[in-house]
């Protein structure tokens, strides 16, 4: 279980996308409630459908902390810990 936790914390973006993909597929596979469905299922269906519809609108508005040095081709780190921007190319 520790390996799974370490993987999730090391790959948060990937884990979030996989989790969202699984949740979206779960919500889309729920059958619509019928007249004979219980009250809890009707509530659960409405809640999960609402949450599934709200997440795509919410995700672009989140300002997630991003490491500016990660994967940037215009950022170079010096061996002594200082950093500088890459020279501009024309």
N, C-alpha and C. Protein backbone atom coordinates (compact mmCIF):
# COMPACT_ATOMS: atom_id res chain seq x y z
N UNK A 1 0.82 -1.19 0.00
CA UNK A 1 0.00 0.00 0.00
C UNK A 1 0.87 1.26 0.00
N UNK A 2 2.04 1.17 0.60
CA UNK A 2 2.95 2.31 0.63
C UNK A 2 3.43 2.64 -0.78
N UNK A 3 3.65 1.63 -1.60
CA UNK A 3 4.10 1.86 -2.97
C UNK A 3 3.04 2.62 -3.77
N UNK A 4 1.77 2.29 -3.56
CA UNK A 4 0.69 2.98 -4.26
C UNK A 4 0.64 4.44 -3.81
N UNK A 5 0.73 4.68 -2.51
CA UNK A 5 0.71 6.04 -1.99
C UNK A 5 1.89 6.84 -2.53
N UNK A 6 3.07 6.24 -2.55
CA UNK A 6 4.25 6.92 -3.08
C UNK A 6 4.09 7.24 -4.56
N UNK A 7 3.49 6.32 -5.32
CA UNK A 7 3.27 6.58 -6.74
C UNK A 7 2.29 7.73 -6.94
N UNK A 8 1.20 7.74 -6.17
CA UNK A 8 0.19 8.79 -6.30
C UNK A 8 0.78 10.15 -5.93
N UNK A 9 1.56 10.22 -4.86
CA UNK A 9 2.14 11.51 -4.47
C UNK A 9 3.22 11.95 -5.45
N UNK A 10 3.91 11.01 -6.08
CA UNK A 10 4.95 11.38 -7.04
C UNK A 10 4.36 11.77 -8.40
N UNK A 11 3.19 11.25 -8.73
CA UNK A 11 2.56 11.51 -10.02
C UNK A 11 1.15 12.03 -9.81
N UNK A 12 1.02 13.18 -9.19
CA UNK A 12 -0.29 13.69 -8.80
C UNK A 12 -1.16 14.02 -10.01
N UNK A 13 -0.60 14.62 -11.03
CA UNK A 13 -1.39 14.99 -12.20
C UNK A 13 -1.92 13.75 -12.90
N UNK A 14 -1.06 12.79 -13.12
CA UNK A 14 -1.47 11.56 -13.77
C UNK A 14 -2.52 10.83 -12.94
N UNK A 15 -2.31 10.77 -11.64
CA UNK A 15 -3.28 10.11 -10.77
C UNK A 15 -4.62 10.81 -10.79
N UNK A 16 -4.60 12.14 -10.81
CA UNK A 16 -5.86 12.89 -10.85
C UNK A 16 -6.59 12.65 -12.17
N UNK A 17 -5.86 12.62 -13.27
CA UNK A 17 -6.51 12.37 -14.57
C UNK A 17 -7.09 10.96 -14.65
N UNK A 18 -6.35 9.98 -14.15
CA UNK A 18 -6.86 8.61 -14.15
C UNK A 18 -8.07 8.50 -13.24
N UNK A 19 -8.01 9.13 -12.06
CA UNK A 19 -9.16 9.11 -11.15
C UNK A 19 -10.38 9.79 -11.75
N UNK A 20 -10.16 10.92 -12.42
CA UNK A 20 -11.28 11.60 -13.06
C UNK A 20 -11.86 10.76 -14.19
N UNK A 21 -10.99 10.10 -14.98
CA UNK A 21 -11.45 9.24 -16.06
C UNK A 21 -12.31 8.10 -15.51
N UNK A 22 -11.85 7.46 -14.43
CA UNK A 22 -12.62 6.37 -13.83
C UNK A 22 -13.95 6.87 -13.27
N UNK A 23 -13.94 8.03 -12.61
CA UNK A 23 -15.17 8.59 -12.06
C UNK A 23 -16.15 8.94 -13.17
N UNK A 24 -15.66 9.54 -14.25
CA UNK A 24 -16.54 9.92 -15.37
C UNK A 24 -17.16 8.68 -16.00
N UNK A 25 -16.39 7.62 -16.14
CA UNK A 25 -16.95 6.39 -16.69
C UNK A 25 -17.94 5.75 -15.74
N UNK A 26 -17.68 5.82 -14.45
CA UNK A 26 -18.61 5.29 -13.45
C UNK A 26 -19.94 6.04 -13.52
N UNK A 27 -19.88 7.36 -13.58
CA UNK A 27 -21.11 8.16 -13.61
C UNK A 27 -21.88 7.91 -14.89
N UNK A 28 -21.18 7.82 -16.01
CA UNK A 28 -21.88 7.63 -17.29
C UNK A 28 -22.50 6.23 -17.42
N UNK A 29 -22.02 5.28 -16.64
CA UNK A 29 -22.57 3.93 -16.74
C UNK A 29 -23.77 3.70 -15.81
N UNK A 30 -24.08 4.66 -14.96
CA UNK A 30 -25.23 4.49 -14.07
C UNK A 30 -26.53 4.53 -14.87
N UNK A 31 -27.41 3.55 -14.67
CA UNK A 31 -28.69 3.60 -15.36
C UNK A 31 -29.59 4.67 -14.74
N UNK A 32 -30.41 5.27 -15.57
CA UNK A 32 -31.33 6.29 -15.07
C UNK A 32 -32.32 5.66 -14.10
N UNK A 33 -32.67 6.39 -13.04
CA UNK A 33 -33.62 5.83 -12.08
C UNK A 33 -35.02 5.71 -12.71
N UNK A 34 -35.70 4.66 -12.33
CA UNK A 34 -37.06 4.46 -12.81
C UNK A 34 -38.04 4.84 -11.71
N UNK A 35 -39.31 4.65 -11.98
CA UNK A 35 -40.34 4.97 -10.98
C UNK A 35 -40.24 4.06 -9.77
N UNK A 36 -39.70 2.87 -9.96
CA UNK A 36 -39.61 1.92 -8.85
C UNK A 36 -38.28 2.01 -8.11
N UNK A 37 -37.38 2.89 -8.53
CA UNK A 37 -36.09 3.04 -7.86
C UNK A 37 -36.29 3.64 -6.48
N UNK A 38 -35.40 3.29 -5.58
CA UNK A 38 -35.47 3.82 -4.23
C UNK A 38 -35.05 5.28 -4.17
N UNK A 39 -35.39 5.92 -3.09
CA UNK A 39 -35.07 7.33 -2.91
C UNK A 39 -33.57 7.59 -2.85
N UNK A 40 -32.83 6.67 -2.22
CA UNK A 40 -31.39 6.86 -2.12
C UNK A 40 -30.74 6.80 -3.49
N UNK A 41 -31.17 5.84 -4.34
CA UNK A 41 -30.57 5.74 -5.67
C UNK A 41 -30.89 6.98 -6.50
N UNK A 42 -32.09 7.50 -6.38
CA UNK A 42 -32.45 8.72 -7.11
C UNK A 42 -31.57 9.88 -6.66
N UNK A 43 -31.35 9.99 -5.35
CA UNK A 43 -30.47 11.05 -4.84
C UNK A 43 -29.03 10.82 -5.29
N UNK A 44 -28.55 9.58 -5.19
CA UNK A 44 -27.17 9.27 -5.57
C UNK A 44 -26.96 9.53 -7.05
N UNK A 45 -27.93 9.17 -7.90
CA UNK A 45 -27.82 9.41 -9.33
C UNK A 45 -27.75 10.91 -9.61
N UNK A 46 -28.62 11.68 -9.00
CA UNK A 46 -28.62 13.13 -9.22
C UNK A 46 -27.34 13.77 -8.70
N UNK A 47 -26.88 13.34 -7.52
CA UNK A 47 -25.66 13.90 -6.94
C UNK A 47 -24.44 13.59 -7.79
N UNK A 48 -24.28 12.33 -8.18
CA UNK A 48 -23.10 11.96 -8.96
C UNK A 48 -23.15 12.57 -10.35
N UNK A 49 -24.32 12.68 -10.95
CA UNK A 49 -24.43 13.33 -12.25
C UNK A 49 -24.11 14.81 -12.16
N UNK A 50 -24.58 15.45 -11.10
CA UNK A 50 -24.26 16.86 -10.90
C UNK A 50 -22.79 17.09 -10.66
N UNK A 51 -22.19 16.23 -9.87
CA UNK A 51 -20.75 16.33 -9.61
C UNK A 51 -19.96 16.06 -10.88
N UNK A 52 -20.39 15.07 -11.65
CA UNK A 52 -19.71 14.77 -12.91
C UNK A 52 -19.83 15.90 -13.92
N UNK A 53 -20.91 16.65 -13.87
CA UNK A 53 -21.08 17.79 -14.78
C UNK A 53 -20.32 19.02 -14.29
N UNK A 54 -20.16 19.15 -12.98
CA UNK A 54 -19.50 20.34 -12.43
C UNK A 54 -17.97 20.25 -12.51
N UNK A 55 -17.41 19.06 -12.45
CA UNK A 55 -15.96 18.92 -12.46
C UNK A 55 -15.30 19.46 -13.73
N UNK A 56 -15.80 19.17 -14.91
CA UNK A 56 -15.13 19.73 -16.10
C UNK A 56 -15.16 21.25 -16.15
N UNK A 57 -16.18 21.86 -15.56
CA UNK A 57 -16.22 23.32 -15.53
C UNK A 57 -15.30 23.88 -14.47
N UNK A 58 -15.05 23.11 -13.41
CA UNK A 58 -14.23 23.58 -12.30
C UNK A 58 -12.74 23.41 -12.57
N UNK A 59 -12.34 22.33 -13.21
CA UNK A 59 -10.92 22.01 -13.38
C UNK A 59 -10.12 23.10 -14.09
N UNK A 60 -10.60 23.73 -15.17
CA UNK A 60 -9.78 24.78 -15.79
C UNK A 60 -9.61 26.02 -14.91
N UNK A 61 -10.51 26.23 -13.95
CA UNK A 61 -10.44 27.41 -13.10
C UNK A 61 -9.50 27.23 -11.92
N UNK A 62 -9.12 25.99 -11.62
CA UNK A 62 -8.21 25.74 -10.50
C UNK A 62 -6.82 26.24 -10.86
N UNK A 63 -6.18 26.87 -9.93
CA UNK A 63 -4.81 27.33 -10.14
C UNK A 63 -3.90 26.41 -9.32
N UNK A 64 -3.50 25.32 -9.95
CA UNK A 64 -2.67 24.34 -9.27
C UNK A 64 -1.23 24.82 -9.23
N UNK A 65 -0.53 24.58 -8.13
CA UNK A 65 0.87 24.99 -8.05
C UNK A 65 1.70 24.17 -9.04
N UNK A 66 2.48 24.86 -9.84
CA UNK A 66 3.30 24.21 -10.85
C UNK A 66 4.74 24.62 -10.63
N UNK A 67 5.64 23.66 -10.70
CA UNK A 67 7.06 23.92 -10.58
C UNK A 67 7.54 24.52 -11.89
N UNK A 68 8.03 25.76 -11.90
CA UNK A 68 8.41 26.39 -13.17
C UNK A 68 9.62 25.74 -13.82
N UNK A 69 10.37 24.95 -13.08
CA UNK A 69 11.56 24.33 -13.65
C UNK A 69 11.25 22.98 -14.28
N UNK A 70 10.09 22.44 -14.03
CA UNK A 70 9.77 21.08 -14.50
C UNK A 70 9.44 21.09 -15.98
N UNK A 71 10.28 20.50 -16.76
CA UNK A 71 10.02 20.33 -18.17
C UNK A 71 10.08 21.58 -19.01
N UNK A 72 10.64 22.65 -18.50
CA UNK A 72 10.70 23.88 -19.27
C UNK A 72 11.98 23.91 -20.10
N UNK A 73 11.85 24.02 -21.42
CA UNK A 73 13.05 24.06 -22.24
C UNK A 73 13.76 25.41 -22.18
N UNK A 74 13.15 26.42 -21.57
CA UNK A 74 13.76 27.74 -21.51
C UNK A 74 14.30 28.06 -20.13
N UNK A 75 14.48 27.07 -19.29
CA UNK A 75 14.92 27.31 -17.93
C UNK A 75 16.11 26.40 -17.65
N UNK A 76 17.22 26.97 -17.25
CA UNK A 76 18.41 26.20 -16.95
C UNK A 76 18.80 26.41 -15.49
N UNK A 77 19.13 25.34 -14.80
CA UNK A 77 19.59 25.44 -13.42
C UNK A 77 21.11 25.28 -13.42
N UNK A 78 21.78 26.17 -12.71
CA UNK A 78 23.23 26.07 -12.59
C UNK A 78 23.57 25.05 -11.50
N UNK A 79 24.76 24.47 -11.56
CA UNK A 79 25.14 23.47 -10.55
C UNK A 79 25.17 24.03 -9.13
N UNK A 80 25.41 25.34 -8.95
CA UNK A 80 25.51 25.89 -7.60
C UNK A 80 24.13 26.26 -7.03
N UNK A 81 23.06 25.92 -7.72
CA UNK A 81 21.72 26.18 -7.21
C UNK A 81 21.09 27.42 -7.76
N UNK A 82 21.87 28.31 -8.37
CA UNK A 82 21.29 29.48 -8.99
C UNK A 82 20.60 29.09 -10.28
N UNK A 83 19.76 29.93 -10.78
CA UNK A 83 19.08 29.62 -12.03
C UNK A 83 19.05 30.85 -12.91
N UNK A 84 18.87 30.62 -14.19
CA UNK A 84 18.77 31.74 -15.12
C UNK A 84 17.87 31.31 -16.27
N UNK A 85 17.33 32.29 -16.94
CA UNK A 85 16.53 32.02 -18.12
C UNK A 85 17.45 31.69 -19.28
N UNK A 86 16.97 30.89 -20.17
CA UNK A 86 17.75 30.52 -21.35
C UNK A 86 17.83 31.72 -22.29
N UNK A 87 18.90 31.79 -23.05
CA UNK A 87 19.00 32.90 -24.01
C UNK A 87 17.90 32.78 -25.06
N UNK A 88 17.41 33.92 -25.50
CA UNK A 88 16.35 33.95 -26.51
C UNK A 88 16.93 33.58 -27.87
N UNK A 89 16.24 32.73 -28.58
CA UNK A 89 16.67 32.37 -29.93
C UNK A 89 15.69 32.97 -30.92
N UNK A 90 16.22 33.35 -32.04
CA UNK A 90 15.38 34.00 -33.06
C UNK A 90 14.98 33.01 -34.11
